[in-house]
Amino acid sequence: MKPLQLSPETAIKLSEKLKVPIEQLMHMPQHILIQKIMELENDYSSK
């Protein structure tokens, strides 16, 4: 599986929001990353 195609700025912001190291984020399966982003969105919209 190839690393995700993210800009450095996006990778840094996502790793901070998801509280995971950038290395782990870049090798995370895309479907899991999308699920985590959706969870963040749900948390944000419920506030």
C-alpha atoms as a PDB file:
ATOM      1  CA  MET A   1       0.000   0.000   0.000  1.00  0.00           C
ATOM      2  CA  LYS A   2       1.451   3.369  -0.986  1.00  0.00           C
ATOM      3  CA  PRO A   3       1.487   6.349   1.415  1.00  0.00           C
ATOM      4  CA  LEU A   4      -1.390   8.804   1.251  1.00  0.00           C
ATOM      5  CA  GLN A   5      -1.072  11.669  -1.189  1.00  0.00           C
ATOM      6  CA  LEU A   6      -1.299  14.620   1.208  1.00  0.00           C
ATOM      7  CA  SER A   7       0.412  17.970   1.180  1.00  0.00           C
ATOM      8  CA  PRO A   8       2.829  18.513   4.084  1.00  0.00           C
ATOM      9  CA  GLU A   9       0.542  21.190   5.539  1.00  0.00           C
ATOM     10  CA  THR A  10      -2.478  18.907   5.420  1.00  0.00           C
ATOM     11  CA  ALA A  11      -0.552  16.026   6.975  1.00  0.00           C
ATOM     12  CA  ILE A  12       0.630  18.208   9.856  1.00  0.00           C
ATOM     13  CA  LYS A  13      -2.853  19.578  10.549  1.00  0.00           C
ATOM     14  CA  LEU A  14      -4.469  16.135  10.390  1.00  0.00           C
ATOM     15  CA  SER A  15      -1.851  14.569  12.646  1.00  0.00           C
ATOM     16  CA  GLU A  16      -2.438  17.313  15.220  1.00  0.00           C
ATOM     17  CA  LYS A  17      -6.239  17.007  15.064  1.00  0.00           C
ATOM     18  CA  LEU A  18      -6.218  13.194  15.147  1.00  0.00           C
ATOM     19  CA  LYS A  19      -3.422  13.112  17.751  1.00  0.00           C
ATOM     20  CA  VAL A  20      -1.355  10.590  15.765  1.00  0.00           C
ATOM     21  CA  PRO A  21       2.261  10.862  14.574  1.00  0.00           C
ATOM     22  CA  ILE A  22       2.675  11.978  10.959  1.00  0.00           C
ATOM     23  CA  GLU A  23       4.424   8.691  10.090  1.00  0.00           C
ATOM     24  CA  GLN A  24       1.421   6.722  11.337  1.00  0.00           C
ATOM     25  CA  LEU A  25      -0.976   9.042   9.517  1.00  0.00           C
ATOM     26  CA  MET A  26       0.828   8.656   6.185  1.00  0.00           C
ATOM     27  CA  HIS A  27       0.614   4.849   6.351  1.00  0.00           C
ATOM     28  CA  MET A  28      -2.963   4.715   7.630  1.00  0.00           C
ATOM     29  CA  PRO A  29      -5.386   3.007   5.230  1.00  0.00           C
ATOM     30  CA  GLN A  30      -7.465   5.617   3.438  1.00  0.00           C
ATOM     31  CA  HIS A  31     -10.806   4.233   4.633  1.00  0.00           C
ATOM     32  CA  ILE A  32      -9.682   4.458   8.273  1.00  0.00           C
ATOM     33  CA  LEU A  33      -8.458   8.019   7.779  1.00  0.00           C
ATOM     34  CA  ILE A  34     -11.787   9.004   6.210  1.00  0.00           C
ATOM     35  CA  GLN A  35     -13.633   7.407   9.129  1.00  0.00           C
ATOM     36  CA  LYS A  36     -11.522   9.373  11.635  1.00  0.00           C
ATOM     37  CA  ILE A  37     -12.111  12.634   9.737  1.00  0.00           C
ATOM     38  CA  MET A  38     -15.852  11.943   9.792  1.00  0.00           C
ATOM     39  CA  GLU A  39     -15.674  11.364  13.557  1.00  0.00           C
ATOM     40  CA  LEU A  40     -13.899  14.712  13.954  1.00  0.00           C
ATOM     41  CA  GLU A  41     -16.606  16.370  11.852  1.00  0.00           C
ATOM     42  CA  ASN A  42     -19.346  14.804  13.979  1.00  0.00           C
ATOM     43  CA  ASP A  43     -17.648  15.969  17.187  1.00  0.00           C
ATOM     44  CA  TYR A  44     -17.221  19.468  15.771  1.00  0.00           C
ATOM     45  CA  SER A  45     -20.797  19.782  14.488  1.00  0.00           C
ATOM     46  CA  SER A  46     -22.320  18.538  17.760  1.00  0.00           C
ATOM     47  CA  LYS A  47     -20.735  21.407  19.726  1.00  0.00           C
END
